[in-house]
Amino acid sequence: ACRPRLLIADEPTTALDVTIQAQILDLLLRLRRDN
């Protein structure tokens, strides 16, 4: 929300099914690249 300079993601996909895992990882990488 506040555009942090560092984001720590602790097991962000552990409880999710494979399709949702891939979407969450893609989202994190897109945010890292864009921000």
PDB file of all heavy atoms in Angstrom:
ATOM      1  N   ALA A   1       0.821  -1.220   0.000  1.00  0.00           N
ATOM      2  CA  ALA A   1       0.000   0.000   0.000  1.00  0.00           C
ATOM      3  C   ALA A   1       0.850   1.265   0.000  1.00  0.00           C
ATOM      4  O   ALA A   1       0.522   2.245  -0.674  1.00  0.00           O
ATOM      5  CB  ALA A   1      -0.942  -0.015   1.203  1.00  0.00           C
ATOM      6  N   CYS A   2       1.939   1.268   0.751  1.00  0.00           N
ATOM      7  CA  CYS A   2       2.782   2.467   0.874  1.00  0.00           C
ATOM      8  C   CYS A   2       4.032   2.398   0.005  1.00  0.00           C
ATOM      9  O   CYS A   2       4.989   3.139   0.228  1.00  0.00           O
ATOM     10  CB  CYS A   2       3.163   2.687   2.342  1.00  0.00           C
ATOM     11  SG  CYS A   2       1.750   2.973   3.420  1.00  0.00           S
ATOM     12  N   ARG A   3       4.003   1.500  -0.974  1.00  0.00           N
ATOM     13  CA  ARG A   3       5.132   1.331  -1.903  1.00  0.00           C
ATOM     14  C   ARG A   3       6.459   1.117  -1.161  1.00  0.00           C
ATOM     15  O   ARG A   3       7.389   1.922  -1.273  1.00  0.00           O
ATOM     16  CB  ARG A   3       5.237   2.534  -2.847  1.00  0.00           C
ATOM     17  CG  ARG A   3       4.020   2.712  -3.741  1.00  0.00           C
ATOM     18  CD  ARG A   3       4.201   3.886  -4.693  1.00  0.00           C
ATOM     19  NE  ARG A   3       3.079   4.000  -5.606  1.00  0.00           N
ATOM     20  CZ  ARG A   3       1.982   4.705  -5.363  1.00  0.00           C
ATOM     21  NH1 ARG A   3       1.864   5.349  -4.200  1.00  0.00           N
ATOM     22  NH2 ARG A   3       1.005   4.771  -6.236  1.00  0.00           N
ATOM     23  N   PRO A   4       6.568   0.027  -0.404  1.00  0.00           N
ATOM     24  CA  PRO A   4       7.795  -0.212   0.369  1.00  0.00           C
ATOM     25  C   PRO A   4       8.984  -0.467  -0.543  1.00  0.00           C
ATOM     26  O   PRO A   4       8.842  -0.894  -1.696  1.00  0.00           O
ATOM     27  CB  PRO A   4       7.447  -1.462   1.181  1.00  0.00           C
ATOM     28  CG  PRO A   4       6.442  -2.181   0.344  1.00  0.00           C
ATOM     29  CD  PRO A   4       5.617  -1.098  -0.283  1.00  0.00           C
ATOM     30  N   ARG A   5      10.157  -0.234  -0.006  1.00  0.00           N
ATOM     31  CA  ARG A   5      11.381  -0.496  -0.761  1.00  0.00           C
ATOM     32  C   ARG A   5      11.784  -1.968  -0.679  1.00  0.00           C
ATOM     33  O   ARG A   5      12.515  -2.456  -1.524  1.00  0.00           O
ATOM     34  CB  ARG A   5      12.505   0.382  -0.231  1.00  0.00           C
ATOM     35  CG  ARG A   5      12.226   1.870  -0.396  1.00  0.00           C
ATOM     36  CD  ARG A   5      13.313   2.717   0.236  1.00  0.00           C
ATOM     37  NE  ARG A   5      14.576   2.597  -0.500  1.00  0.00           N
ATOM     38  CZ  ARG A   5      15.738   3.042  -0.043  1.00  0.00           C
ATOM     39  NH1 ARG A   5      15.813   3.603   1.163  1.00  0.00           N
ATOM     40  NH2 ARG A   5      16.842   2.915  -0.768  1.00  0.00           N
ATOM     41  N   LEU A   6      11.310  -2.661   0.371  1.00  0.00           N
ATOM     42  CA  LEU A   6      11.607  -4.085   0.523  1.00  0.00           C
ATOM     43  C   LEU A   6      10.340  -4.815   0.941  1.00  0.00           C
ATOM     44  O   LEU A   6       9.652  -4.400   1.870  1.00  0.00           O
ATOM     45  CB  LEU A   6      12.695  -4.306   1.584  1.00  0.00           C
ATOM     46  CG  LEU A   6      13.024  -5.769   1.916  1.00  0.00           C
ATOM     47  CD1 LEU A   6      13.627  -6.473   0.708  1.00  0.00           C
ATOM     48  CD2 LEU A   6      13.972  -5.864   3.110  1.00  0.00           C
ATOM     49  N   LEU A   7      10.034  -5.903   0.244  1.00  0.00           N
ATOM     50  CA  LEU A   7       8.901  -6.755   0.585  1.00  0.00           C
ATOM     51  C   LEU A   7       9.427  -8.131   0.957  1.00  0.00           C
ATOM     52  O   LEU A   7      10.175  -8.749   0.201  1.00  0.00           O
ATOM     53  CB  LEU A   7       7.935  -6.869  -0.603  1.00  0.00           C
ATOM     54  CG  LEU A   7       6.696  -7.753  -0.371  1.00  0.00           C
ATOM     55  CD1 LEU A   7       5.811  -7.160   0.722  1.00  0.00           C
ATOM     56  CD2 LEU A   7       5.907  -7.918  -1.662  1.00  0.00           C
ATOM     57  N   ILE A   8       9.044  -8.600   2.153  1.00  0.00           N
ATOM     58  CA  ILE A   8       9.420  -9.929   2.626  1.00  0.00           C
ATOM     59  C   ILE A   8       8.184 -10.813   2.535  1.00  0.00           C
ATOM     60  O   ILE A   8       7.153 -10.518   3.153  1.00  0.00           O
ATOM     61  CB  ILE A   8       9.925  -9.880   4.077  1.00  0.00           C
ATOM     62  CG1 ILE A   8      11.088  -8.895   4.211  1.00  0.00           C
ATOM     63  CG2 ILE A   8      10.339 -11.268   4.546  1.00  0.00           C
ATOM     64  CD1 ILE A   8      11.431  -8.555   5.651  1.00  0.00           C
ATOM     65  N   ALA A   9       8.258 -11.891   1.759  1.00  0.00           N
ATOM     66  CA  ALA A   9       7.128 -12.808   1.593  1.00  0.00           C
ATOM     67  C   ALA A   9       7.490 -14.148   2.218  1.00  0.00           C
ATOM     68  O   ALA A   9       8.373 -14.853   1.727  1.00  0.00           O
ATOM     69  CB  ALA A   9       6.798 -12.978   0.106  1.00  0.00           C
ATOM     70  N   ASP A  10       6.825 -14.474   3.325  1.00  0.00           N
ATOM     71  CA  ASP A  10       7.127 -15.684   4.085  1.00  0.00           C
ATOM     72  C   ASP A  10       6.160 -16.802   3.692  1.00  0.00           C
ATOM     73  O   ASP A  10       5.004 -16.799   4.096  1.00  0.00           O
ATOM     74  CB  ASP A  10       7.025 -15.391   5.590  1.00  0.00           C
ATOM     75  CG  ASP A  10       7.478 -16.559   6.446  1.00  0.00           C
ATOM     76  OD1 ASP A  10       7.921 -17.579   5.877  1.00  0.00           O
ATOM     77  OD2 ASP A  10       7.390 -16.461   7.685  1.00  0.00           O
ATOM     78  N   GLU A  11       6.644 -17.742   2.901  1.00  0.00           N
ATOM     79  CA  GLU A  11       5.828 -18.872   2.423  1.00  0.00           C
ATOM     80  C   GLU A  11       4.474 -18.373   1.898  1.00  0.00           C
ATOM     81  O   GLU A  11       3.409 -18.826   2.347  1.00  0.00           O
ATOM     82  CB  GLU A  11       5.607 -19.884   3.563  1.00  0.00           C
ATOM     83  CG  GLU A  11       6.880 -20.478   4.139  1.00  0.00           C
ATOM     84  CD  GLU A  11       7.407 -21.659   3.346  1.00  0.00           C
ATOM     85  OE1 GLU A  11       6.900 -21.912   2.245  1.00  0.00           O
ATOM     86  OE2 GLU A  11       8.337 -22.314   3.835  1.00  0.00           O
ATOM     87  N   PRO A  12       4.455 -17.467   0.923  1.00  0.00           N
ATOM     88  CA  PRO A  12       3.195 -16.842   0.521  1.00  0.00           C
ATOM     89  C   PRO A  12       2.259 -17.755  -0.256  1.00  0.00           C
ATOM     90  O   PRO A  12       1.105 -17.398  -0.482  1.00  0.00           O
ATOM     91  CB  PRO A  12       3.660 -15.679  -0.371  1.00  0.00           C
ATOM     92  CG  PRO A  12       4.947 -16.151  -0.954  1.00  0.00           C
ATOM     93  CD  PRO A  12       5.602 -16.948   0.140  1.00  0.00           C
ATOM     94  N   THR A  13       2.727 -18.950  -0.670  1.00  0.00           N
ATOM     95  CA  THR A  13       1.874 -19.813  -1.497  1.00  0.00           C
ATOM     96  C   THR A  13       1.644 -21.185  -0.882  1.00  0.00           C
ATOM     97  O   THR A  13       1.062 -22.059  -1.520  1.00  0.00           O
ATOM     98  CB  THR A  13       2.510 -20.009  -2.888  1.00  0.00           C
ATOM     99  OG1 THR A  13       3.790 -20.644  -2.747  1.00  0.00           O
ATOM    100  CG2 THR A  13       2.703 -18.682  -3.593  1.00  0.00           C
ATOM    101  N   THR A  14       2.042 -21.392   0.376  1.00  0.00           N
ATOM    102  CA  THR A  14       2.030 -22.731   0.974  1.00  0.00           C
ATOM    103  C   THR A  14       0.644 -23.375   0.979  1.00  0.00           C
ATOM    104  O   THR A  14       0.486 -24.545   0.650  1.00  0.00           O
ATOM    105  CB  THR A  14       2.576 -22.676   2.412  1.00  0.00           C
ATOM    106  OG1 THR A  14       3.948 -22.267   2.353  1.00  0.00           O
ATOM    107  CG2 THR A  14       2.486 -24.032   3.084  1.00  0.00           C
ATOM    108  N   ALA A  15      -0.383 -22.621   1.362  1.00  0.00           N
ATOM    109  CA  ALA A  15      -1.712 -23.205   1.549  1.00  0.00           C
ATOM    110  C   ALA A  15      -2.592 -23.112   0.299  1.00  0.00           C
ATOM    111  O   ALA A  15      -3.790 -23.386   0.365  1.00  0.00           O
ATOM    112  CB  ALA A  15      -2.419 -22.503   2.710  1.00  0.00           C
ATOM    113  N   LEU A  16      -2.006 -22.762  -0.833  1.00  0.00           N
ATOM    114  CA  LEU A  16      -2.786 -22.520  -2.044  1.00  0.00           C
ATOM    115  C   LEU A  16      -2.585 -23.641  -3.058  1.00  0.00           C
ATOM    116  O   LEU A  16      -1.536 -24.293  -3.082  1.00  0.00           O
ATOM    117  CB  LEU A  16      -2.384 -21.179  -2.666  1.00  0.00           C
ATOM    118  CG  LEU A  16      -2.438 -19.970  -1.728  1.00  0.00           C
ATOM    119  CD1 LEU A  16      -1.936 -18.726  -2.442  1.00  0.00           C
ATOM    120  CD2 LEU A  16      -3.860 -19.755  -1.212  1.00  0.00           C
ATOM    121  N   ASP A  17      -3.590 -23.849  -3.921  1.00  0.00           N
ATOM    122  CA  ASP A  17      -3.419 -24.863  -4.956  1.00  0.00           C
ATOM    123  C   ASP A  17      -2.453 -24.358  -6.024  1.00  0.00           C
ATOM    124  O   ASP A  17      -2.099 -23.181  -6.073  1.00  0.00           O
ATOM    125  CB  ASP A  17      -4.763 -25.286  -5.561  1.00  0.00           C
ATOM    126  CG  ASP A  17      -5.471 -24.144  -6.284  1.00  0.00           C
ATOM    127  OD1 ASP A  17      -4.831 -23.494  -7.141  1.00  0.00           O
ATOM    128  OD2 ASP A  17      -6.661 -23.917  -6.017  1.00  0.00           O
ATOM    129  N   VAL A  18      -2.030 -25.267  -6.892  1.00  0.00           N
ATOM    130  CA  VAL A  18      -0.923 -24.975  -7.807  1.00  0.00           C
ATOM    131  C   VAL A  18      -1.235 -23.797  -8.722  1.00  0.00           C
ATOM    132  O   VAL A  18      -0.379 -22.935  -8.960  1.00  0.00           O
ATOM    133  CB  VAL A  18      -0.583 -26.239  -8.633  1.00  0.00           C
ATOM    134  CG1 VAL A  18       0.474 -25.917  -9.683  1.00  0.00           C
ATOM    135  CG2 VAL A  18      -0.089 -27.350  -7.721  1.00  0.00           C
ATOM    136  N   THR A  19      -2.456 -23.724  -9.233  1.00  0.00           N
ATOM    137  CA  THR A  19      -2.815 -22.639 -10.141  1.00  0.00           C
ATOM    138  C   THR A  19      -2.742 -21.294  -9.443  1.00  0.00           C
ATOM    139  O   THR A  19      -2.182 -20.322  -9.984  1.00  0.00           O
ATOM    140  CB  THR A  19      -4.233 -22.858 -10.701  1.00  0.00           C
ATOM    141  OG1 THR A  19      -4.278 -24.120 -11.366  1.00  0.00           O
ATOM    142  CG2 THR A  19      -4.607 -21.755 -11.677  1.00  0.00           C
ATOM    143  N   ILE A  20      -3.279 -21.216  -8.226  1.00  0.00           N
ATOM    144  CA  ILE A  20      -3.248 -19.960  -7.476  1.00  0.00           C
ATOM    145  C   ILE A  20      -1.819 -19.627  -7.064  1.00  0.00           C
ATOM    146  O   ILE A  20      -1.423 -18.456  -7.060  1.00  0.00           O
ATOM    147  CB  ILE A  20      -4.169 -20.050  -6.240  1.00  0.00           C
ATOM    148  CG1 ILE A  20      -5.597 -20.397  -6.665  1.00  0.00           C
ATOM    149  CG2 ILE A  20      -4.157 -18.728  -5.479  1.00  0.00           C
ATOM    150  CD1 ILE A  20      -6.218 -19.403  -7.628  1.00  0.00           C
ATOM    151  N   GLN A  21      -1.021 -20.642  -6.725  1.00  0.00           N
ATOM    152  CA  GLN A  21       0.385 -20.399  -6.402  1.00  0.00           C
ATOM    153  C   GLN A  21       1.084 -19.657  -7.535  1.00  0.00           C
ATOM    154  O   GLN A  21       1.798 -18.671  -7.316  1.00  0.00           O
ATOM    155  CB  GLN A  21       1.105 -21.733  -6.168  1.00  0.00           C
ATOM    156  CG  GLN A  21       0.858 -22.356  -4.816  1.00  0.00           C
ATOM    157  CD  GLN A  21       1.715 -23.597  -4.610  1.00  0.00           C
ATOM    158  OE1 GLN A  21       2.729 -23.774  -5.276  1.00  0.00           O
ATOM    159  NE2 GLN A  21       1.311 -24.456  -3.692  1.00  0.00           N
ATOM    160  N   ALA A  22       0.888 -20.136  -8.752  1.00  0.00           N
ATOM    161  CA  ALA A  22       1.541 -19.516  -9.907  1.00  0.00           C
ATOM    162  C   ALA A  22       1.082 -18.072 -10.079  1.00  0.00           C
ATOM    163  O   ALA A  22       1.887 -17.185 -10.389  1.00  0.00           O
ATOM    164  CB  ALA A  22       1.240 -20.326 -11.165  1.00  0.00           C
ATOM    165  N   GLN A  23      -0.192 -17.809  -9.850  1.00  0.00           N
ATOM    166  CA  GLN A  23      -0.713 -16.445  -9.989  1.00  0.00           C
ATOM    167  C   GLN A  23      -0.109 -15.518  -8.937  1.00  0.00           C
ATOM    168  O   GLN A  23       0.247 -14.372  -9.247  1.00  0.00           O
ATOM    169  CB  GLN A  23      -2.237 -16.463  -9.867  1.00  0.00           C
ATOM    170  CG  GLN A  23      -2.935 -17.178 -11.015  1.00  0.00           C
ATOM    171  CD  GLN A  23      -4.434 -17.315 -10.790  1.00  0.00           C
ATOM    172  OE1 GLN A  23      -4.971 -16.863  -9.766  1.00  0.00           O
ATOM    173  NE2 GLN A  23      -5.119 -17.942 -11.724  1.00  0.00           N
ATOM    174  N   ILE A  24       0.003 -15.995  -7.702  1.00  0.00           N
ATOM    175  CA  ILE A  24       0.577 -15.168  -6.628  1.00  0.00           C
ATOM    176  C   ILE A  24       2.043 -14.871  -6.905  1.00  0.00           C
ATOM    177  O   ILE A  24       2.519 -13.734  -6.729  1.00  0.00           O
ATOM    178  CB  ILE A  24       0.413 -15.871  -5.258  1.00  0.00           C
ATOM    179  CG1 ILE A  24      -1.081 -15.982  -4.880  1.00  0.00           C
ATOM    180  CG2 ILE A  24       1.190 -15.115  -4.175  1.00  0.00           C
ATOM    181  CD1 ILE A  24      -1.789 -14.665  -4.683  1.00  0.00           C
ATOM    182  N   LEU A  25       2.794 -15.864  -7.357  1.00  0.00           N
ATOM    183  CA  LEU A  25       4.211 -15.640  -7.664  1.00  0.00           C
ATOM    184  C   LEU A  25       4.377 -14.664  -8.825  1.00  0.00           C
ATOM    185  O   LEU A  25       5.239 -13.780  -8.788  1.00  0.00           O
ATOM    186  CB  LEU A  25       4.892 -16.971  -7.987  1.00  0.00           C
ATOM    187  CG  LEU A  25       5.051 -17.925  -6.807  1.00  0.00           C
ATOM    188  CD1 LEU A  25       5.560 -19.278  -7.278  1.00  0.00           C
ATOM    189  CD2 LEU A  25       5.981 -17.348  -5.754  1.00  0.00           C
ATOM    190  N   ASP A  26       3.555 -14.818  -9.843  1.00  0.00           N
ATOM    191  CA  ASP A  26       3.598 -13.870 -10.968  1.00  0.00           C
ATOM    192  C   ASP A  26       3.307 -12.458 -10.484  1.00  0.00           C
ATOM    193  O   ASP A  26       3.933 -11.489 -10.927  1.00  0.00           O
ATOM    194  CB  ASP A  26       2.593 -14.272 -12.048  1.00  0.00           C
ATOM    195  CG  ASP A  26       3.047 -15.489 -12.850  1.00  0.00           C
ATOM    196  OD1 ASP A  26       4.248 -15.826 -12.782  1.00  0.00           O
ATOM    197  OD2 ASP A  26       2.211 -16.099 -13.534  1.00  0.00           O
ATOM    198  N   LEU A  27       2.351 -12.325  -9.574  1.00  0.00           N
ATOM    199  CA  LEU A  27       1.995 -11.013  -9.030  1.00  0.00           C
ATOM    200  C   LEU A  27       3.173 -10.402  -8.272  1.00  0.00           C
ATOM    201  O   LEU A  27       3.502  -9.220  -8.468  1.00  0.00           O
ATOM    202  CB  LEU A  27       0.780 -11.165  -8.111  1.00  0.00           C
ATOM    203  CG  LEU A  27       0.381  -9.944  -7.282  1.00  0.00           C
ATOM    204  CD1 LEU A  27       0.023  -8.767  -8.189  1.00  0.00           C
ATOM    205  CD2 LEU A  27      -0.785 -10.288  -6.358  1.00  0.00           C
ATOM    206  N   LEU A  28       3.818 -11.196  -7.418  1.00  0.00           N
ATOM    207  CA  LEU A  28       4.948 -10.680  -6.652  1.00  0.00           C
ATOM    208  C   LEU A  28       6.086 -10.227  -7.570  1.00  0.00           C
ATOM    209  O   LEU A  28       6.694  -9.170  -7.353  1.00  0.00           O
ATOM    210  CB  LEU A  28       5.453 -11.744  -5.683  1.00  0.00           C
ATOM    211  CG  LEU A  28       4.546 -12.054  -4.490  1.00  0.00           C
ATOM    212  CD1 LEU A  28       5.065 -13.272  -3.727  1.00  0.00           C
ATOM    213  CD2 LEU A  28       4.436 -10.862  -3.558  1.00  0.00           C
ATOM    214  N   LEU A  29       6.363 -11.004  -8.602  1.00  0.00           N
ATOM    215  CA  LEU A  29       7.439 -10.641  -9.518  1.00  0.00           C
ATOM    216  C   LEU A  29       7.087  -9.402 -10.326  1.00  0.00           C
ATOM    217  O   LEU A  29       7.941  -8.554 -10.599  1.00  0.00           O
ATOM    218  CB  LEU A  29       7.743 -11.816 -10.448  1.00  0.00           C
ATOM    219  CG  LEU A  29       8.358 -13.040  -9.771  1.00  0.00           C
ATOM    220  CD1 LEU A  29       8.579 -14.163 -10.773  1.00  0.00           C
ATOM    221  CD2 LEU A  29       9.673 -12.685  -9.102  1.00  0.00           C
ATOM    222  N   ARG A  30       5.827  -9.291 -10.712  1.00  0.00           N
ATOM    223  CA  ARG A  30       5.401  -8.092 -11.458  1.00  0.00           C
ATOM    224  C   ARG A  30       5.531  -6.850 -10.585  1.00  0.00           C
ATOM    225  O   ARG A  30       5.994  -5.801 -11.039  1.00  0.00           O
ATOM    226  CB  ARG A  30       3.957  -8.268 -11.936  1.00  0.00           C
ATOM    227  CG  ARG A  30       3.377  -7.041 -12.644  1.00  0.00           C
ATOM    228  CD  ARG A  30       2.072  -7.382 -13.330  1.00  0.00           C
ATOM    229  NE  ARG A  30       1.066  -7.875 -12.416  1.00  0.00           N
ATOM    230  CZ  ARG A  30       0.243  -7.078 -11.716  1.00  0.00           C
ATOM    231  NH1 ARG A  30       0.340  -5.754 -11.816  1.00  0.00           N
ATOM    232  NH2 ARG A  30      -0.670  -7.595 -10.929  1.00  0.00           N
ATOM    233  N   LEU A  31       5.134  -6.961  -9.324  1.00  0.00           N
ATOM    234  CA  LEU A  31       5.231  -5.819  -8.414  1.00  0.00           C
ATOM    235  C   LEU A  31       6.698  -5.448  -8.161  1.00  0.00           C
ATOM    236  O   LEU A  31       7.038  -4.268  -8.090  1.00  0.00           O
ATOM    237  CB  LEU A  31       4.539  -6.155  -7.091  1.00  0.00           C
ATOM    238  CG  LEU A  31       3.019  -6.311  -7.168  1.00  0.00           C
ATOM    239  CD1 LEU A  31       2.476  -6.886  -5.864  1.00  0.00           C
ATOM    240  CD2 LEU A  31       2.352  -4.977  -7.471  1.00  0.00           C
ATOM    241  N   ARG A  32       7.556  -6.455  -8.028  1.00  0.00           N
ATOM    242  CA  ARG A  32       8.979  -6.167  -7.852  1.00  0.00           C
ATOM    243  C   ARG A  32       9.537  -5.425  -9.060  1.00  0.00           C
ATOM    244  O   ARG A  32      10.260  -4.419  -8.930  1.00  0.00           O
ATOM    245  CB  ARG A  32       9.764  -7.466  -7.649  1.00  0.00           C
ATOM    246  CG  ARG A  32      11.267  -7.249  -7.455  1.00  0.00           C
ATOM    247  CD  ARG A  32      12.065  -8.519  -7.659  1.00  0.00           C
ATOM    248  NE  ARG A  32      11.890  -9.078  -8.988  1.00  0.00           N
ATOM    249  CZ  ARG A  32      12.510  -8.608 -10.081  1.00  0.00           C
ATOM    250  NH1 ARG A  32      13.312  -7.564  -9.999  1.00  0.00           N
ATOM    251  NH2 ARG A  32      12.297  -9.175 -11.252  1.00  0.00           N
ATOM    252  N   ARG A  33       9.180  -5.895 -10.235  1.00  0.00           N
ATOM    253  CA  ARG A  33       9.678  -5.271 -11.466  1.00  0.00           C
ATOM    254  C   ARG A  33       9.124  -3.861 -11.656  1.00  0.00           C
ATOM    255  O   ARG A  33       9.858  -2.917 -11.949  1.00  0.00           O
ATOM    256  CB  ARG A  33       9.298  -6.149 -12.664  1.00  0.00           C
ATOM    257  CG  ARG A  33       9.820  -5.648 -13.998  1.00  0.00           C
ATOM    258  CD  ARG A  33       9.347  -6.541 -15.121  1.00  0.00           C
ATOM    259  NE  ARG A  33       7.897  -6.507 -15.269  1.00  0.00           N
ATOM    260  CZ  ARG A  33       7.090  -7.528 -15.032  1.00  0.00           C
ATOM    261  NH1 ARG A  33       7.587  -8.673 -14.600  1.00  0.00           N
ATOM    262  NH2 ARG A  33       5.787  -7.419 -15.201  1.00  0.00           N
ATOM    263  N   ASP A  34       7.834  -3.700 -11.440  1.00  0.00           N
ATOM    264  CA  ASP A  34       7.189  -2.400 -11.703  1.00  0.00           C
ATOM    265  C   ASP A  34       7.559  -1.357 -10.655  1.00  0.00           C
ATOM    266  O   ASP A  34       7.674  -0.168 -10.970  1.00  0.00           O
ATOM    267  CB  ASP A  34       5.665  -2.568 -11.747  1.00  0.00           C
ATOM    268  CG  ASP A  34       5.204  -3.408 -12.939  1.00  0.00           C
ATOM    269  OD1 ASP A  34       6.040  -3.664 -13.827  1.00  0.00           O
ATOM    270  OD2 ASP A  34       4.030  -3.803 -12.962  1.00  0.00           O
ATOM    271  N   ASN A  35       7.738  -1.784  -9.405  1.00  0.00           N
ATOM    272  CA  ASN A  35       7.998  -0.831  -8.320  1.00  0.00           C
ATOM    273  C   ASN A  35       9.473  -0.724  -7.956  1.00  0.00           C
ATOM    274  O   ASN A  35       9.852   0.138  -7.160  1.00  0.00           O
ATOM    275  CB  ASN A  35       7.207  -1.231  -7.063  1.00  0.00           C
ATOM    276  CG  ASN A  35       5.705  -1.181  -7.294  1.00  0.00           C
ATOM    277  OD1 ASN A  35       5.229  -0.552  -8.231  1.00  0.00           O
ATOM    278  ND2 ASN A  35       4.963  -1.861  -6.439  1.00  0.00           N
TER     279      ASN A  35
END
